Amino acid sequence: MKPIFITIKNSLDLIIIPDSEAHLDGHVAITASYSIYRNRHQTGDLLIRRESKLHLEKKNDPDYMGTIFFESPQESLSYIADGSQRLSVFEIQELVEKIINYRNTPSLW
């Protein structure tokens, strides 16, 4: 999937970088994770570097705001705020709604 550009209600422009991973250890589980960055409308080179980062790597990017993880088939989610900036509970709720809408609408991909 390509990066998702989202603006949430408080005029916070975000870049969401999706990543999926399948686990087949006797149970089918799909983890879809989304790295969250503040969008300051930087150049394409910076976006390419962000896309190439693994979730296991420490992110030193000052615009990094954490990662949202969706687990299937249980359909649980978690937000890890391991960046220099954090989203509020209300921002997380709105962002999750927008990501779910994006995931459920393949024409947006």
C-alpha atoms as a PDB file:
ATOM      1  CA  MET A   1       0.000   0.000   0.000  1.00  0.00           C
ATOM      2  CA  LYS A   2       1.079   3.546  -0.587  1.00  0.00           C
ATOM      3  CA  PRO A   3       1.306   6.201   2.167  1.00  0.00           C
ATOM      4  CA  ILE A   4      -1.998   7.677   3.326  1.00  0.00           C
ATOM      5  CA  PHE A   5      -2.332  11.436   3.756  1.00  0.00           C
ATOM      6  CA  ILE A   6      -4.936  12.317   6.394  1.00  0.00           C
ATOM      7  CA  THR A   7      -6.040  15.487   8.136  1.00  0.00           C
ATOM      8  CA  ILE A   8      -7.877  15.111  11.412  1.00  0.00           C
ATOM      9  CA  LYS A   9     -10.285  17.639  12.917  1.00  0.00           C
ATOM     10  CA  ASN A  10      -7.795  19.825  14.709  1.00  0.00           C
ATOM     11  CA  SER A  11      -6.069  20.507  11.344  1.00  0.00           C
ATOM     12  CA  LEU A  12      -3.323  18.033  12.110  1.00  0.00           C
ATOM     13  CA  ASP A  13      -1.903  16.822   8.772  1.00  0.00           C
ATOM     14  CA  LEU A  14      -0.546  13.275   9.020  1.00  0.00           C
ATOM     15  CA  ILE A  15       1.270  10.772   6.822  1.00  0.00           C
ATOM     16  CA  ILE A  16       0.338   7.187   7.610  1.00  0.00           C
ATOM     17  CA  ILE A  17       2.745   4.528   6.330  1.00  0.00           C
ATOM     18  CA  PRO A  18       1.084   1.077   6.208  1.00  0.00           C
ATOM     19  CA  ASP A  19       2.824  -2.240   6.661  1.00  0.00           C
ATOM     20  CA  SER A  20       1.332  -5.752   6.892  1.00  0.00           C
ATOM     21  CA  GLU A  21       2.769  -8.991   8.166  1.00  0.00           C
ATOM     22  CA  ALA A  22       1.245 -12.485   8.169  1.00  0.00           C
ATOM     23  CA  HIS A  23       1.936 -14.997  10.942  1.00  0.00           C
ATOM     24  CA  LEU A  24       1.324 -18.668  10.279  1.00  0.00           C
ATOM     25  CA  ASP A  25       2.317 -20.479  13.475  1.00  0.00           C
ATOM     26  CA  GLY A  26      -0.730 -22.725  13.518  1.00  0.00           C
ATOM     27  CA  HIS A  27      -2.986 -19.687  13.745  1.00  0.00           C
ATOM     28  CA  VAL A  28      -3.615 -17.296  10.920  1.00  0.00           C
ATOM     29  CA  ALA A  29      -2.958 -13.785  12.176  1.00  0.00           C
ATOM     30  CA  ILE A  30      -2.396 -10.679  10.170  1.00  0.00           C
ATOM     31  CA  THR A  31      -0.801  -7.648  11.742  1.00  0.00           C
ATOM     32  CA  ALA A  32      -1.346  -4.409   9.932  1.00  0.00           C
ATOM     33  CA  SER A  33       0.715  -1.609  11.370  1.00  0.00           C
ATOM     34  CA  TYR A  34       0.649   2.048  10.492  1.00  0.00           C
ATOM     35  CA  SER A  35       3.523   4.386  11.318  1.00  0.00           C
ATOM     36  CA  ILE A  36       2.269   7.898  11.985  1.00  0.00           C
ATOM     37  CA  TYR A  37       4.167  11.058  11.060  1.00  0.00           C
ATOM     38  CA  ARG A  38       3.225  14.711  11.171  1.00  0.00           C
ATOM     39  CA  ASN A  39       3.029  15.922   7.574  1.00  0.00           C
ATOM     40  CA  ARG A  40       5.043  19.076   7.153  1.00  0.00           C
ATOM     41  CA  HIS A  41       4.936  18.673   3.342  1.00  0.00           C
ATOM     42  CA  GLN A  42       8.573  17.606   3.010  1.00  0.00           C
ATOM     43  CA  THR A  43      10.278  16.320  -0.113  1.00  0.00           C
ATOM     44  CA  GLY A  44       9.737  12.869  -1.629  1.00  0.00           C
ATOM     45  CA  ASP A  45      13.184  11.678  -0.475  1.00  0.00           C
ATOM     46  CA  LEU A  46      12.148  11.926   3.178  1.00  0.00           C
ATOM     47  CA  LEU A  47       8.958   9.964   2.489  1.00  0.00           C
ATOM     48  CA  ILE A  48      10.967   7.201   0.791  1.00  0.00           C
ATOM     49  CA  ARG A  49      13.298   6.974   3.822  1.00  0.00           C
ATOM     50  CA  ARG A  50      10.297   6.744   6.176  1.00  0.00           C
ATOM     51  CA  GLU A  51       8.745   3.968   4.086  1.00  0.00           C
ATOM     52  CA  SER A  52      11.947   1.926   4.218  1.00  0.00           C
ATOM     53  CA  LYS A  53      12.218   1.975   8.030  1.00  0.00           C
ATOM     54  CA  LEU A  54      11.377  -1.245   9.835  1.00  0.00           C
ATOM     55  CA  HIS A  55       9.058  -1.049  12.839  1.00  0.00           C
ATOM     56  CA  LEU A  56      11.783  -2.652  14.934  1.00  0.00           C
ATOM     57  CA  GLU A  57      14.129   0.275  14.380  1.00  0.00           C
ATOM     58  CA  LYS A  58      14.245   3.235  16.726  1.00  0.00           C
ATOM     59  CA  LYS A  59      12.781   6.231  14.937  1.00  0.00           C
ATOM     60  CA  ASN A  60      14.610   9.476  15.569  1.00  0.00           C
ATOM     61  CA  ASP A  61      12.447  11.488  13.164  1.00  0.00           C
ATOM     62  CA  PRO A  62      11.035  14.501  15.080  1.00  0.00           C
ATOM     63  CA  ASP A  63       7.738  14.151  13.168  1.00  0.00           C
ATOM     64  CA  TYR A  64       7.223  10.495  14.175  1.00  0.00           C
ATOM     65  CA  MET A  65       4.133  10.131  16.400  1.00  0.00           C
ATOM     66  CA  GLY A  66       3.980   6.363  17.007  1.00  0.00           C
ATOM     67  CA  THR A  67       2.418   3.288  15.462  1.00  0.00           C
ATOM     68  CA  ILE A  68      -1.081   1.808  15.391  1.00  0.00           C
ATOM     69  CA  PHE A  69      -1.291  -2.004  15.200  1.00  0.00           C
ATOM     70  CA  PHE A  70      -4.410  -3.871  14.007  1.00  0.00           C
ATOM     71  CA  GLU A  71      -4.523  -7.611  14.738  1.00  0.00           C
ATOM     72  CA  SER A  72      -6.788  -9.941  12.747  1.00  0.00           C
ATOM     73  CA  PRO A  73      -8.786 -12.155  13.191  1.00  0.00           C
ATOM     74  CA  GLN A  74      -9.309 -10.837  16.750  1.00  0.00           C
ATOM     75  CA  GLU A  75      -9.743  -7.300  15.404  1.00  0.00           C
ATOM     76  CA  SER A  76      -7.934  -5.692  18.308  1.00  0.00           C
ATOM     77  CA  LEU A  77      -5.788  -2.604  18.020  1.00  0.00           C
ATOM     78  CA  SER A  78      -3.135  -0.796  19.972  1.00  0.00           C
ATOM     79  CA  TYR A  79      -1.305   2.500  19.731  1.00  0.00           C
ATOM     80  CA  ILE A  80       2.322   2.776  20.773  1.00  0.00           C
ATOM     81  CA  ALA A  81       3.407   6.364  21.314  1.00  0.00           C
ATOM     82  CA  ASP A  82       7.159   5.858  21.022  1.00  0.00           C
ATOM     83  CA  GLY A  83       7.853   9.053  19.102  1.00  0.00           C
ATOM     84  CA  SER A  84       8.776  12.518  20.268  1.00  0.00           C
ATOM     85  CA  GLN A  85       5.133  13.613  19.843  1.00  0.00           C
ATOM     86  CA  ARG A  86       1.950  11.829  20.943  1.00  0.00           C
ATOM     87  CA  LEU A  87      -1.626  11.755  19.771  1.00  0.00           C
ATOM     88  CA  SER A  88      -4.462  12.446  22.216  1.00  0.00           C
ATOM     89  CA  VAL A  89      -7.168   9.847  22.837  1.00  0.00           C
ATOM     90  CA  PHE A  90      -9.569  11.809  20.616  1.00  0.00           C
ATOM     91  CA  GLU A  91      -6.989  12.078  17.822  1.00  0.00           C
ATOM     92  CA  ILE A  92      -6.360   8.319  18.025  1.00  0.00           C
ATOM     93  CA  GLN A  93     -10.095   7.581  17.820  1.00  0.00           C
ATOM     94  CA  GLU A  94     -10.532   9.782  14.758  1.00  0.00           C
ATOM     95  CA  LEU A  95      -7.406   8.399  13.098  1.00  0.00           C
ATOM     96  CA  VAL A  96      -8.515   4.788  13.684  1.00  0.00           C
ATOM     97  CA  GLU A  97     -11.921   5.565  12.118  1.00  0.00           C
ATOM     98  CA  LYS A  98     -10.208   7.037   9.054  1.00  0.00           C
ATOM     99  CA  ILE A  99      -7.782   4.105   8.724  1.00  0.00           C
ATOM    100  CA  ILE A 100     -10.651   1.596   8.999  1.00  0.00           C
ATOM    101  CA  ASN A 101     -12.552   3.499   6.304  1.00  0.00           C
ATOM    102  CA  TYR A 102      -9.427   3.450   4.134  1.00  0.00           C
ATOM    103  CA  ARG A 103      -8.918  -0.297   4.705  1.00  0.00           C
ATOM    104  CA  ASN A 104     -12.551  -1.024   3.828  1.00  0.00           C
ATOM    105  CA  THR A 105     -12.424   1.026   0.600  1.00  0.00           C
ATOM    106  CA  PRO A 106      -9.887  -0.578  -1.775  1.00  0.00           C
ATOM    107  CA  SER A 107     -10.555   2.072  -4.420  1.00  0.00           C
ATOM    108  CA  LEU A 108      -8.670   4.520  -2.154  1.00  0.00           C
ATOM    109  CA  TRP A 109      -5.536   2.375  -2.345  1.00  0.00           C
END
